[in-house]
Amino acid sequence: MYIGRIVSVARTLDDRLCAAYRVSSRSFPNRTAVAGEGKVSIVPKPGHEMDVYKNPYIAYNCVRIVRNGDVAVVTNGSQTDGIAEKIDQGMPPRDALALVSLALDFEKDSYNTPRISAVVDKKSSTGWLAIVRHDGLEVERIPLYPGRLWYVATYEENTITEARGDEFPAETPEEACDFMLGGGVFAQRDNPVTAVAAMAGDRGYDIFVKDAPAV
């Protein structure tokens, strides 16, 4: 089943928060995740740079770490920066997610692609998921239990509900990327391209990026 992009929030069995993102794409699979200082960007692979002129939504920061390393923001679009900046300025995650989601709205492409967003906060030990579709907005605080993951996707599975969950066996950000690309429930979700995970560490969040195996 193809469900498009996916964001998730989870808690590891040893009680560390994790936010993760998977790019799944049928139209623009030639993309990768590039990690920088406190952020990760989704960009076209070398040789495919002109794809951004075909679709302006395919390149963006998908991860930002803010609030002195306490908060990880993970999304499928340009809302990453707006949400991160509002939270860094002191706005609660719920308000930042709602405000920026409403301000930017769903993507105005041929699919009316929803904007999906995830936030985890080490200081308050909380996680949030948000989605803005053409027909509504949802922002939910997620009950994070050890060894469990919640997710929301852009298509098909694009409502926030406990049914969108799974066991979460990952112990490292690399294992979290592997899980997003093909573990558990995601093994039955088509067209993986690349994954990113931000997992709480001793200082801030440990970040890992990984492309799906070539097929």
N, C-alpha and C. Protein backbone atom coordinates (compact mmCIF):
# COMPACT_ATOMS: atom_id res chain seq x y z
N MET A 1 0.84 -1.20 0.00
CA MET A 1 0.00 0.00 0.00
C MET A 1 0.88 1.25 0.00
N TYR A 2 0.50 2.21 -0.81
CA TYR A 2 1.26 3.46 -0.85
C TYR A 2 0.56 4.51 0.01
N ILE A 3 1.29 5.03 1.00
CA ILE A 3 0.71 6.04 1.89
C ILE A 3 1.50 7.35 1.89
N GLY A 4 2.50 7.46 1.00
CA GLY A 4 3.26 8.70 0.90
C GLY A 4 4.24 8.89 2.04
N ARG A 5 4.45 10.15 2.40
CA ARG A 5 5.38 10.48 3.46
C ARG A 5 4.82 10.08 4.83
N ILE A 6 5.72 9.82 5.78
CA ILE A 6 5.32 9.35 7.11
C ILE A 6 6.14 10.07 8.17
N VAL A 7 5.49 10.57 9.23
CA VAL A 7 6.21 11.03 10.42
C VAL A 7 5.76 10.19 11.61
N SER A 8 6.65 10.01 12.57
CA SER A 8 6.31 9.20 13.73
C SER A 8 6.95 9.77 14.99
N VAL A 9 6.34 9.42 16.11
CA VAL A 9 6.92 9.68 17.43
C VAL A 9 6.90 8.37 18.20
N ALA A 10 7.93 8.17 19.02
CA ALA A 10 8.05 6.89 19.72
C ALA A 10 8.84 7.08 21.00
N ARG A 11 8.79 6.04 21.82
CA ARG A 11 9.65 5.96 22.99
C ARG A 11 10.33 4.59 22.96
N THR A 12 11.64 4.57 23.12
CA THR A 12 12.37 3.31 23.10
C THR A 12 12.08 2.52 24.38
N LEU A 13 12.46 1.26 24.34
CA LEU A 13 12.26 0.42 25.52
C LEU A 13 13.05 0.93 26.73
N ASP A 14 14.16 1.63 26.47
CA ASP A 14 14.92 2.21 27.58
C ASP A 14 14.56 3.67 27.81
N ASP A 15 13.36 4.08 27.34
CA ASP A 15 12.73 5.34 27.74
C ASP A 15 13.33 6.59 27.10
N ARG A 16 13.77 6.48 25.84
CA ARG A 16 14.26 7.66 25.12
C ARG A 16 13.28 8.03 24.02
N LEU A 17 13.03 9.32 23.87
CA LEU A 17 12.12 9.79 22.85
C LEU A 17 12.77 9.70 21.47
N CYS A 18 11.92 9.50 20.46
CA CYS A 18 12.42 9.44 19.09
C CYS A 18 11.36 10.01 18.15
N ALA A 19 11.79 10.85 17.22
CA ALA A 19 10.93 11.32 16.13
C ALA A 19 11.60 10.91 14.84
N ALA A 20 10.81 10.43 13.89
CA ALA A 20 11.39 9.92 12.65
C ALA A 20 10.53 10.32 11.45
N TYR A 21 11.15 10.25 10.29
CA TYR A 21 10.49 10.65 9.04
C TYR A 21 10.91 9.72 7.93
N ARG A 22 9.97 9.37 7.08
CA ARG A 22 10.28 8.58 5.89
C ARG A 22 9.71 9.28 4.66
N VAL A 23 10.57 9.47 3.68
CA VAL A 23 10.13 9.91 2.37
C VAL A 23 9.76 8.66 1.58
N SER A 24 8.53 8.60 1.11
CA SER A 24 8.10 7.59 0.15
C SER A 24 7.62 8.36 -1.06
N SER A 25 8.01 7.95 -2.24
CA SER A 25 7.63 8.73 -3.41
C SER A 25 7.57 7.88 -4.66
N ARG A 26 6.54 8.12 -5.47
CA ARG A 26 6.44 7.49 -6.78
C ARG A 26 6.95 8.43 -7.88
N SER A 27 6.75 9.73 -7.67
CA SER A 27 7.08 10.71 -8.72
C SER A 27 8.51 11.23 -8.63
N PHE A 28 9.04 11.39 -7.41
CA PHE A 28 10.38 11.96 -7.23
C PHE A 28 11.20 11.10 -6.26
N PRO A 29 11.59 9.90 -6.71
CA PRO A 29 12.34 9.00 -5.82
C PRO A 29 13.82 9.33 -5.71
N ASN A 30 14.34 10.21 -6.56
CA ASN A 30 15.77 10.50 -6.58
C ASN A 30 16.13 11.60 -5.59
N ARG A 31 15.87 11.30 -4.33
CA ARG A 31 16.15 12.25 -3.26
C ARG A 31 16.90 11.56 -2.12
N THR A 32 17.53 12.37 -1.30
CA THR A 32 18.27 11.85 -0.18
C THR A 32 18.18 12.84 0.99
N ALA A 33 18.56 12.38 2.17
CA ALA A 33 18.58 13.23 3.36
C ALA A 33 20.02 13.59 3.69
N VAL A 34 20.24 14.88 3.96
CA VAL A 34 21.59 15.38 4.27
C VAL A 34 21.57 16.01 5.66
N ALA A 35 22.37 15.47 6.57
CA ALA A 35 22.42 15.97 7.93
C ALA A 35 23.37 17.15 8.05
N GLY A 36 22.93 18.18 8.80
CA GLY A 36 23.76 19.33 9.09
C GLY A 36 23.79 19.56 10.59
N GLU A 37 24.20 20.74 11.01
CA GLU A 37 24.27 21.07 12.42
C GLU A 37 22.86 21.35 12.95
N GLY A 38 22.30 20.41 13.69
CA GLY A 38 20.99 20.59 14.28
C GLY A 38 19.85 20.55 13.29
N LYS A 39 20.08 20.01 12.11
CA LYS A 39 19.01 19.92 11.12
C LYS A 39 19.32 18.84 10.11
N VAL A 40 18.28 18.45 9.35
CA VAL A 40 18.42 17.54 8.23
C VAL A 40 17.60 18.10 7.08
N SER A 41 18.15 18.02 5.87
CA SER A 41 17.46 18.53 4.69
C SER A 41 17.21 17.39 3.70
N ILE A 42 16.04 17.44 3.06
CA ILE A 42 15.73 16.55 1.95
C ILE A 42 16.07 17.29 0.66
N VAL A 43 16.92 16.69 -0.16
CA VAL A 43 17.39 17.35 -1.40
C VAL A 43 17.43 16.33 -2.54
N PRO A 44 17.39 16.80 -3.79
CA PRO A 44 17.56 15.89 -4.92
C PRO A 44 18.97 15.30 -4.92
N LYS A 45 19.08 14.07 -5.39
CA LYS A 45 20.40 13.47 -5.55
C LYS A 45 21.14 14.16 -6.70
N PRO A 46 22.48 14.08 -6.70
CA PRO A 46 23.25 14.67 -7.80
C PRO A 46 22.75 14.16 -9.15
N GLY A 47 22.60 15.10 -10.07
CA GLY A 47 22.08 14.77 -11.38
C GLY A 47 20.59 14.98 -11.52
N HIS A 48 19.92 15.23 -10.38
CA HIS A 48 18.46 15.43 -10.40
C HIS A 48 18.07 16.78 -9.81
N GLU A 49 19.03 17.71 -9.77
CA GLU A 49 18.78 19.01 -9.15
C GLU A 49 17.62 19.77 -9.82
N MET A 50 17.40 19.55 -11.09
CA MET A 50 16.35 20.27 -11.80
C MET A 50 14.95 19.84 -11.39
N ASP A 51 14.84 18.76 -10.61
CA ASP A 51 13.52 18.32 -10.16
C ASP A 51 12.80 19.37 -9.34
N VAL A 52 13.56 20.26 -8.68
CA VAL A 52 12.90 21.28 -7.85
C VAL A 52 12.12 22.27 -8.70
N TYR A 53 12.42 22.33 -10.00
CA TYR A 53 11.66 23.21 -10.88
C TYR A 53 10.36 22.54 -11.35
N LYS A 54 10.32 21.23 -11.21
CA LYS A 54 9.10 20.50 -11.55
C LYS A 54 8.11 20.49 -10.39
N ASN A 55 8.66 20.47 -9.17
CA ASN A 55 7.82 20.46 -7.97
C ASN A 55 8.57 21.18 -6.85
N PRO A 56 8.09 22.35 -6.40
CA PRO A 56 8.82 23.12 -5.40
C PRO A 56 8.76 22.53 -4.00
N TYR A 57 7.94 21.49 -3.82
CA TYR A 57 7.75 20.93 -2.48
C TYR A 57 8.70 19.79 -2.16
N ILE A 58 9.59 19.42 -3.07
CA ILE A 58 10.37 18.20 -2.85
C ILE A 58 11.68 18.44 -2.10
N ALA A 59 12.07 19.68 -1.85
CA ALA A 59 13.30 19.98 -1.11
C ALA A 59 12.96 20.88 0.07
N TYR A 60 13.46 20.54 1.26
CA TYR A 60 13.09 21.28 2.48
C TYR A 60 13.89 20.74 3.65
N ASN A 61 13.91 21.48 4.73
CA ASN A 61 14.43 20.96 5.99
C ASN A 61 13.36 20.06 6.60
N CYS A 62 13.72 18.81 6.90
CA CYS A 62 12.74 17.91 7.50
C CYS A 62 12.95 17.74 9.00
N VAL A 63 14.10 18.16 9.52
CA VAL A 63 14.38 18.06 10.95
C VAL A 63 15.04 19.34 11.43
N ARG A 64 14.60 19.82 12.58
CA ARG A 64 15.29 20.91 13.29
C ARG A 64 15.33 20.55 14.77
N ILE A 65 16.48 20.76 15.40
CA ILE A 65 16.63 20.56 16.85
C ILE A 65 16.72 21.94 17.48
N VAL A 66 15.84 22.23 18.43
CA VAL A 66 15.77 23.56 19.03
C VAL A 66 15.61 23.47 20.55
N ARG A 67 15.41 24.63 21.15
CA ARG A 67 15.24 24.76 22.60
C ARG A 67 16.41 24.12 23.34
N ASN A 68 17.63 24.52 22.92
CA ASN A 68 18.86 24.03 23.54
C ASN A 68 18.97 22.51 23.55
N GLY A 69 18.49 21.89 22.48
CA GLY A 69 18.60 20.46 22.35
C GLY A 69 17.49 19.67 22.98
N ASP A 70 16.47 20.34 23.52
CA ASP A 70 15.36 19.64 24.17
C ASP A 70 14.30 19.15 23.19
N VAL A 71 14.14 19.84 22.06
CA VAL A 71 13.01 19.59 21.18
C VAL A 71 13.47 19.22 19.77
N ALA A 72 12.88 18.17 19.23
CA ALA A 72 13.10 17.79 17.83
C ALA A 72 11.80 17.99 17.06
N VAL A 73 11.89 18.69 15.94
CA VAL A 73 10.76 18.92 15.05
C VAL A 73 11.03 18.17 13.76
N VAL A 74 10.08 17.35 13.32
CA VAL A 74 10.24 16.52 12.13
C VAL A 74 8.99 16.68 11.27
N THR A 75 9.14 17.06 10.00
CA THR A 75 7.97 17.25 9.14
C THR A 75 8.29 16.88 7.69
N ASN A 76 7.26 16.97 6.86
CA ASN A 76 7.41 16.67 5.43
C ASN A 76 7.50 17.91 4.56
N GLY A 77 7.83 19.08 5.14
CA GLY A 77 7.86 20.26 4.29
C GLY A 77 8.43 21.49 4.98
N SER A 78 8.18 22.63 4.36
CA SER A 78 8.74 23.89 4.83
C SER A 78 8.20 24.33 6.19
N GLN A 79 7.15 23.66 6.68
CA GLN A 79 6.64 24.00 8.00
C GLN A 79 7.64 23.67 9.10
N THR A 80 8.63 22.83 8.81
CA THR A 80 9.65 22.49 9.82
C THR A 80 10.24 23.74 10.44
N ASP A 81 10.66 24.68 9.60
CA ASP A 81 11.35 25.86 10.10
C ASP A 81 10.42 26.74 10.92
N GLY A 82 9.19 26.95 10.44
CA GLY A 82 8.25 27.79 11.18
C GLY A 82 7.90 27.21 12.53
N ILE A 83 7.63 25.92 12.60
CA ILE A 83 7.30 25.27 13.87
C ILE A 83 8.49 25.35 14.82
N ALA A 84 9.68 25.03 14.31
CA ALA A 84 10.89 25.06 15.14
C ALA A 84 11.14 26.45 15.70
N GLU A 85 11.00 27.46 14.87
CA GLU A 85 11.27 28.82 15.33
C GLU A 85 10.27 29.27 16.38
N LYS A 86 8.99 28.92 16.21
CA LYS A 86 7.99 29.30 17.21
C LYS A 86 8.27 28.60 18.54
N ILE A 87 8.60 27.32 18.50
CA ILE A 87 8.91 26.60 19.73
C ILE A 87 10.16 27.16 20.39
N ASP A 88 11.17 27.50 19.58
CA ASP A 88 12.41 28.05 20.13
C ASP A 88 12.18 29.40 20.81
N GLN A 89 11.15 30.11 20.36
CA GLN A 89 10.80 31.40 20.96
C GLN A 89 9.92 31.25 22.19
N GLY A 90 9.57 30.02 22.56
CA GLY A 90 8.82 29.78 23.78
C GLY A 90 7.38 29.35 23.59
N MET A 91 6.91 29.23 22.36
CA MET A 91 5.53 28.81 22.12
C MET A 91 5.39 27.31 22.41
N PRO A 92 4.31 26.90 23.08
CA PRO A 92 4.09 25.46 23.32
C PRO A 92 3.97 24.70 22.01
N PRO A 93 4.40 23.44 21.97
CA PRO A 93 4.32 22.66 20.73
C PRO A 93 2.93 22.61 20.11
N ARG A 94 1.90 22.43 20.92
CA ARG A 94 0.55 22.37 20.36
C ARG A 94 0.22 23.63 19.58
N ASP A 95 0.52 24.79 20.17
CA ASP A 95 0.18 26.06 19.53
C ASP A 95 1.02 26.29 18.28
N ALA A 96 2.31 25.94 18.35
CA ALA A 96 3.18 26.11 17.18
C ALA A 96 2.74 25.22 16.03
N LEU A 97 2.39 23.99 16.33
CA LEU A 97 1.92 23.07 15.30
C LEU A 97 0.63 23.58 14.66
N ALA A 98 -0.31 24.02 15.48
CA ALA A 98 -1.59 24.49 14.96
C ALA A 98 -1.42 25.77 14.14
N LEU A 99 -0.66 26.72 14.68
CA LEU A 99 -0.51 28.02 14.02
C LEU A 99 0.16 27.88 12.66
N VAL A 100 1.28 27.19 12.63
CA VAL A 100 2.04 27.09 11.38
C VAL A 100 1.32 26.20 10.37
N SER A 101 0.70 25.13 10.84
CA SER A 101 -0.07 24.27 9.93
C SER A 101 -1.19 25.06 9.27
N LEU A 102 -1.92 25.84 10.04
CA LEU A 102 -3.00 26.65 9.48
C LEU A 102 -2.47 27.72 8.54
N ALA A 103 -1.36 28.33 8.92
CA ALA A 103 -0.81 29.42 8.11
C ALA A 103 -0.35 28.93 6.73
N LEU A 104 0.31 27.77 6.69
CA LEU A 104 0.83 27.25 5.42
C LEU A 104 -0.18 26.38 4.69
N ASP A 105 -1.05 25.70 5.45
CA ASP A 105 -2.11 24.86 4.89
C ASP A 105 -1.50 23.69 4.14
N PHE A 106 -2.35 22.88 3.51
CA PHE A 106 -1.87 21.74 2.74
C PHE A 106 -1.10 22.23 1.51
N GLU A 107 -0.30 21.34 0.94
CA GLU A 107 0.51 21.71 -0.22
C GLU A 107 -0.39 21.83 -1.45
N LYS A 108 -0.18 22.87 -2.21
CA LYS A 108 -1.03 23.13 -3.38
C LYS A 108 -0.48 22.44 -4.63
N ASP A 109 -0.29 21.13 -4.52
CA ASP A 109 0.12 20.35 -5.68
C ASP A 109 -1.10 19.62 -6.24
N SER A 110 -0.88 18.75 -7.20
CA SER A 110 -2.02 18.09 -7.85
C SER A 110 -2.71 17.07 -6.95
N TYR A 111 -2.07 16.73 -5.81
CA TYR A 111 -2.66 15.77 -4.88
C TYR A 111 -3.20 16.42 -3.61
N ASN A 112 -3.10 17.75 -3.50
CA ASN A 112 -3.46 18.43 -2.24
C ASN A 112 -2.77 17.73 -1.06
N THR A 113 -1.48 17.49 -1.20
CA THR A 113 -0.73 16.73 -0.20
C THR A 113 -0.81 17.39 1.17
N PRO A 114 -1.22 16.65 2.20
CA PRO A 114 -1.24 17.20 3.55
C PRO A 114 0.16 17.52 4.06
N ARG A 115 0.22 18.44 5.00
CA ARG A 115 1.46 18.67 5.75
C ARG A 115 1.36 17.86 7.05
N ILE A 116 2.36 17.05 7.30
CA ILE A 116 2.40 16.22 8.51
C ILE A 116 3.61 16.63 9.34
N SER A 117 3.44 16.64 10.65
CA SER A 117 4.49 17.15 11.53
C SER A 117 4.52 16.35 12.83
N ALA A 118 5.72 16.23 13.39
CA ALA A 118 5.92 15.55 14.67
C ALA A 118 6.87 16.37 15.54
N VAL A 119 6.61 16.35 16.84
CA VAL A 119 7.47 17.04 17.80
C VAL A 119 7.67 16.13 19.01
N VAL A 120 8.90 16.02 19.48
CA VAL A 120 9.17 15.39 20.77
C VAL A 120 9.97 16.36 21.63
N ASP A 121 9.65 16.37 22.91
CA ASP A 121 10.22 17.34 23.86
C ASP A 121 10.79 16.58 25.05
N LYS A 122 12.11 16.58 25.17
CA LYS A 122 12.77 15.86 26.27
C LYS A 122 12.41 16.43 27.63
N LYS A 123 12.29 17.74 27.71
CA LYS A 123 12.08 18.38 29.01
C LYS A 123 10.73 17.99 29.61
N SER A 124 9.70 17.97 28.78
CA SER A 124 8.37 17.60 29.27
C SER A 124 8.04 16.14 29.01
N SER A 125 8.93 15.42 28.31
CA SER A 125 8.76 14.00 27.99
C SER A 125 7.45 13.76 27.24
N THR A 126 7.18 14.62 26.24
CA THR A 126 5.94 14.52 25.48
C THR A 126 6.22 14.42 23.98
N GLY A 127 5.22 13.91 23.27
CA GLY A 127 5.28 13.85 21.82
C GLY A 127 3.98 14.35 21.22
N TRP A 128 4.06 14.89 20.01
CA TRP A 128 2.90 15.45 19.33
C TRP A 128 2.92 15.04 17.86
N LEU A 129 1.74 14.84 17.29
CA LEU A 129 1.58 14.66 15.86
C LEU A 129 0.56 15.68 15.35
N ALA A 130 0.76 16.13 14.11
CA ALA A 130 -0.17 17.08 13.50
C ALA A 130 -0.29 16.80 12.02
N ILE A 131 -1.48 17.09 11.48
CA ILE A 131 -1.70 17.00 10.04
C ILE A 131 -2.71 18.05 9.64
N VAL A 132 -2.44 18.73 8.53
CA VAL A 132 -3.42 19.63 7.94
C VAL A 132 -3.71 19.12 6.53
N ARG A 133 -4.98 18.77 6.32
CA ARG A 133 -5.47 18.29 5.03
C ARG A 133 -6.36 19.35 4.40
N HIS A 134 -6.82 19.07 3.18
CA HIS A 134 -7.75 20.00 2.53
C HIS A 134 -9.08 20.06 3.27
N ASP A 135 -9.35 19.02 4.09
CA ASP A 135 -10.65 18.96 4.78
C ASP A 135 -10.54 19.04 6.29
N GLY A 136 -9.36 19.41 6.83
CA GLY A 136 -9.30 19.52 8.28
C GLY A 136 -7.90 19.60 8.83
N LEU A 137 -7.86 19.86 10.14
CA LEU A 137 -6.61 19.98 10.89
C LEU A 137 -6.71 19.13 12.15
N GLU A 138 -5.66 18.38 12.44
CA GLU A 138 -5.59 17.62 13.68
C GLU A 138 -4.25 17.89 14.35
N VAL A 139 -4.28 18.15 15.64
CA VAL A 139 -3.06 18.29 16.45
C VAL A 139 -3.31 17.50 17.74
N GLU A 140 -2.49 16.50 17.99
CA GLU A 140 -2.74 15.62 19.12
C GLU A 140 -1.47 15.38 19.93
N ARG A 141 -1.62 15.46 21.26
CA ARG A 141 -0.55 14.99 22.14
C ARG A 141 -0.64 13.47 22.20
N ILE A 142 0.50 12.80 22.02
CA ILE A 142 0.52 11.36 21.88
C ILE A 142 0.99 10.70 23.18
N PRO A 143 0.25 9.70 23.66
CA PRO A 143 0.72 8.96 24.84
C PRO A 143 1.87 8.04 24.45
N LEU A 144 3.05 8.38 24.90
CA LEU A 144 4.25 7.64 24.49
C LEU A 144 4.61 6.59 25.54
N TYR A 145 4.48 5.32 25.15
CA TYR A 145 4.81 4.21 26.03
C TYR A 145 6.09 3.55 25.55
N PRO A 146 6.91 3.03 26.48
CA PRO A 146 8.15 2.37 26.06
C PRO A 146 7.89 1.26 25.04
N GLY A 147 8.67 1.30 23.96
CA GLY A 147 8.56 0.28 22.94
C GLY A 147 7.38 0.43 22.01
N ARG A 148 6.79 1.64 21.94
CA ARG A 148 5.64 1.88 21.07
C ARG A 148 5.88 3.09 20.17
N LEU A 149 5.29 3.05 18.98
CA LEU A 149 5.40 4.11 17.98
C LEU A 149 4.01 4.48 17.48
N TRP A 150 3.81 5.79 17.24
CA TRP A 150 2.61 6.31 16.56
C TRP A 150 3.06 7.01 15.30
N TYR A 151 2.21 6.97 14.26
CA TYR A 151 2.58 7.65 13.03
C TYR A 151 1.35 8.21 12.33
N VAL A 152 1.61 9.13 11.40
CA VAL A 152 0.58 9.62 10.49
C VAL A 152 1.24 9.83 9.13
N ALA A 153 0.48 9.60 8.07
CA ALA A 153 1.02 9.67 6.71
C ALA A 153 0.23 10.67 5.88
N THR A 154 0.75 10.97 4.70
CA THR A 154 0.09 11.97 3.87
C THR A 154 -1.13 11.43 3.15
N TYR A 155 -1.14 10.12 2.84
CA TYR A 155 -2.26 9.54 2.10
C TYR A 155 -2.77 8.28 2.82
N GLU A 156 -4.05 7.99 2.62
CA GLU A 156 -4.68 6.78 3.16
C GLU A 156 -4.70 6.81 4.71
N GLU A 157 -3.55 6.70 5.32
CA GLU A 157 -3.48 6.68 6.79
C GLU A 157 -3.19 8.10 7.31
N ASN A 158 -4.08 9.00 6.96
CA ASN A 158 -3.84 10.43 7.22
C ASN A 158 -4.78 11.01 8.28
N THR A 159 -5.07 10.19 9.29
CA THR A 159 -5.73 10.67 10.49
C THR A 159 -4.92 10.18 11.69
N ILE A 160 -4.99 10.92 12.78
CA ILE A 160 -4.22 10.56 13.97
C ILE A 160 -5.11 9.71 14.87
N THR A 161 -4.71 8.45 15.01
CA THR A 161 -5.49 7.50 15.80
C THR A 161 -4.57 6.43 16.36
N GLU A 162 -5.00 5.81 17.44
CA GLU A 162 -4.18 4.77 18.06
C GLU A 162 -3.98 3.58 17.12
N ALA A 163 -4.86 3.45 16.12
CA ALA A 163 -4.69 2.38 15.14
C ALA A 163 -3.43 2.54 14.31
N ARG A 164 -2.92 3.77 14.21
CA ARG A 164 -1.68 4.03 13.48
C ARG A 164 -0.51 3.88 14.45
N GLY A 165 -0.28 2.68 14.91
CA GLY A 165 0.79 2.44 15.86
C GLY A 165 1.41 1.08 15.64
N ASP A 166 2.50 0.83 16.34
CA ASP A 166 3.20 -0.44 16.21
C ASP A 166 4.18 -0.59 17.36
N GLU A 167 4.68 -1.80 17.53
CA GLU A 167 5.81 -2.00 18.42
C GLU A 167 7.01 -1.24 17.86
N PHE A 168 7.89 -0.78 18.75
CA PHE A 168 9.07 -0.03 18.32
C PHE A 168 10.30 -0.64 18.97
N PRO A 169 11.00 -1.54 18.25
CA PRO A 169 12.13 -2.25 18.84
C PRO A 169 13.45 -1.52 18.74
N ALA A 170 13.51 -0.40 18.03
CA ALA A 170 14.79 0.27 17.76
C ALA A 170 15.45 0.77 19.05
N GLU A 171 16.77 0.62 19.09
CA GLU A 171 17.56 1.10 20.23
C GLU A 171 18.52 2.21 19.84
N THR A 172 18.71 2.42 18.54
CA THR A 172 19.60 3.47 18.04
C THR A 172 18.89 4.21 16.92
N PRO A 173 19.34 5.43 16.58
CA PRO A 173 18.72 6.13 15.46
C PRO A 173 18.89 5.40 14.14
N GLU A 174 19.98 4.67 13.95
CA GLU A 174 20.13 3.89 12.73
C GLU A 174 19.07 2.79 12.66
N GLU A 175 18.84 2.11 13.77
CA GLU A 175 17.81 1.08 13.80
C GLU A 175 16.43 1.68 13.59
N ALA A 176 16.23 2.91 14.07
CA ALA A 176 14.95 3.59 13.84
C ALA A 176 14.74 3.87 12.35
N CYS A 177 15.81 4.26 11.66
CA CYS A 177 15.72 4.46 10.20
C CYS A 177 15.38 3.15 9.50
N ASP A 178 16.05 2.07 9.89
CA ASP A 178 15.77 0.77 9.28
C ASP A 178 14.31 0.38 9.49
N PHE A 179 13.81 0.65 10.68
CA PHE A 179 12.41 0.31 10.98
C PHE A 179 11.46 1.12 10.11
N MET A 180 11.74 2.41 9.97
CA MET A 180 10.87 3.26 9.15
C MET A 180 10.88 2.82 7.69
N LEU A 181 12.03 2.35 7.22
CA LEU A 181 12.16 1.97 5.81
C LEU A 181 11.54 0.62 5.50
N GLY A 182 11.47 -0.27 6.50
CA GLY A 182 10.96 -1.60 6.16
C GLY A 182 10.66 -2.53 7.31
N GLY A 183 10.56 -1.98 8.52
CA GLY A 183 10.26 -2.82 9.67
C GLY A 183 8.80 -2.75 10.07
N GLY A 184 8.34 -3.76 10.76
CA GLY A 184 6.99 -3.73 11.32
C GLY A 184 5.93 -3.39 10.29
N VAL A 185 5.04 -2.49 10.66
CA VAL A 185 3.96 -2.07 9.77
C VAL A 185 4.47 -1.45 8.49
N PHE A 186 5.64 -0.85 8.53
CA PHE A 186 6.16 -0.13 7.37
C PHE A 186 6.70 -1.07 6.28
N ALA A 187 6.86 -2.33 6.59
CA ALA A 187 7.29 -3.29 5.58
C ALA A 187 6.24 -3.44 4.49
N GLN A 188 4.99 -3.11 4.82
CA GLN A 188 3.90 -3.21 3.85
C GLN A 188 3.53 -1.85 3.25
N ARG A 189 4.36 -0.86 3.44
CA ARG A 189 4.11 0.48 2.89
C ARG A 189 5.11 0.73 1.76
N ASP A 190 4.62 1.02 0.58
CA ASP A 190 5.42 0.98 -0.64
C ASP A 190 6.28 2.22 -0.88
N ASN A 191 7.24 2.06 -1.79
CA ASN A 191 8.06 3.13 -2.36
C ASN A 191 8.89 3.91 -1.35
N PRO A 192 9.60 3.24 -0.42
CA PRO A 192 10.49 3.99 0.47
C PRO A 192 11.65 4.60 -0.29
N VAL A 193 12.04 5.81 0.11
CA VAL A 193 13.15 6.52 -0.55
C VAL A 193 14.29 6.78 0.43
N THR A 194 13.97 7.43 1.54
CA THR A 194 15.00 7.73 2.55
C THR A 194 14.33 7.93 3.90
N ALA A 195 15.10 7.78 4.97
CA ALA A 195 14.56 7.93 6.32
C ALA A 195 15.51 8.73 7.19
N VAL A 196 14.93 9.37 8.19
CA VAL A 196 15.67 10.18 9.14
C VAL A 196 15.14 9.88 10.53
N ALA A 197 16.03 9.78 11.52
CA ALA A 197 15.59 9.59 12.90
C ALA A 197 16.37 10.51 13.82
N ALA A 198 15.65 11.11 14.77
CA ALA A 198 16.27 11.92 15.82
C ALA A 198 15.89 11.27 17.15
N MET A 199 16.88 10.69 17.82
CA MET A 199 16.65 9.96 19.07
C MET A 199 17.36 10.67 20.22
N ALA A 200 16.65 10.84 21.32
CA ALA A 200 17.20 11.55 22.47
C ALA A 200 18.49 10.89 22.94
N GLY A 201 19.50 11.73 23.16
CA GLY A 201 20.79 11.25 23.65
C GLY A 201 21.18 11.98 24.92
N ASP A 202 22.40 11.79 25.35
CA ASP A 202 22.87 12.46 26.56
C ASP A 202 22.85 13.97 26.38
N ARG A 203 23.16 14.43 25.18
CA ARG A 203 23.10 15.85 24.86
C ARG A 203 22.24 16.03 23.61
N GLY A 204 21.10 16.57 23.76
CA GLY A 204 20.25 16.81 22.60
C GLY A 204 19.74 15.53 21.98
N TYR A 205 19.83 15.46 20.65
CA TYR A 205 19.34 14.31 19.91
C TYR A 205 20.43 13.78 18.99
N ASP A 206 20.51 12.47 18.92
CA ASP A 206 21.41 11.82 17.97
C ASP A 206 20.62 11.61 16.67
N ILE A 207 21.22 12.03 15.56
CA ILE A 207 20.52 11.99 14.26
C ILE A 207 21.20 11.01 13.33
N PHE A 208 20.37 10.27 12.59
CA PHE A 208 20.90 9.37 11.58
C PHE A 208 20.02 9.47 10.34
N VAL A 209 20.63 9.36 9.18
CA VAL A 209 19.89 9.37 7.90
C VAL A 209 20.30 8.14 7.11
N LYS A 210 19.34 7.61 6.35
CA LYS A 210 19.64 6.39 5.59
C LYS A 210 18.71 6.29 4.38
N ASP A 211 19.30 6.04 3.21
CA ASP A 211 18.52 5.82 2.01
C ASP A 211 18.02 4.38 1.95
N ALA A 212 16.87 4.18 1.33
CA ALA A 212 16.35 2.85 1.11
C ALA A 212 17.28 2.08 0.17
N PRO A 213 17.40 0.77 0.33
CA PRO A 213 18.23 -0.01 -0.60
C PRO A 213 17.73 0.13 -2.03
N ALA A 214 18.62 0.15 -2.97
CA ALA A 214 18.25 0.22 -4.38
C ALA A 214 17.52 -1.05 -4.78
N VAL A 215 16.52 -0.90 -5.63
CA VAL A 215 15.75 -2.07 -6.09
C VAL A 215 15.92 -2.23 -7.59
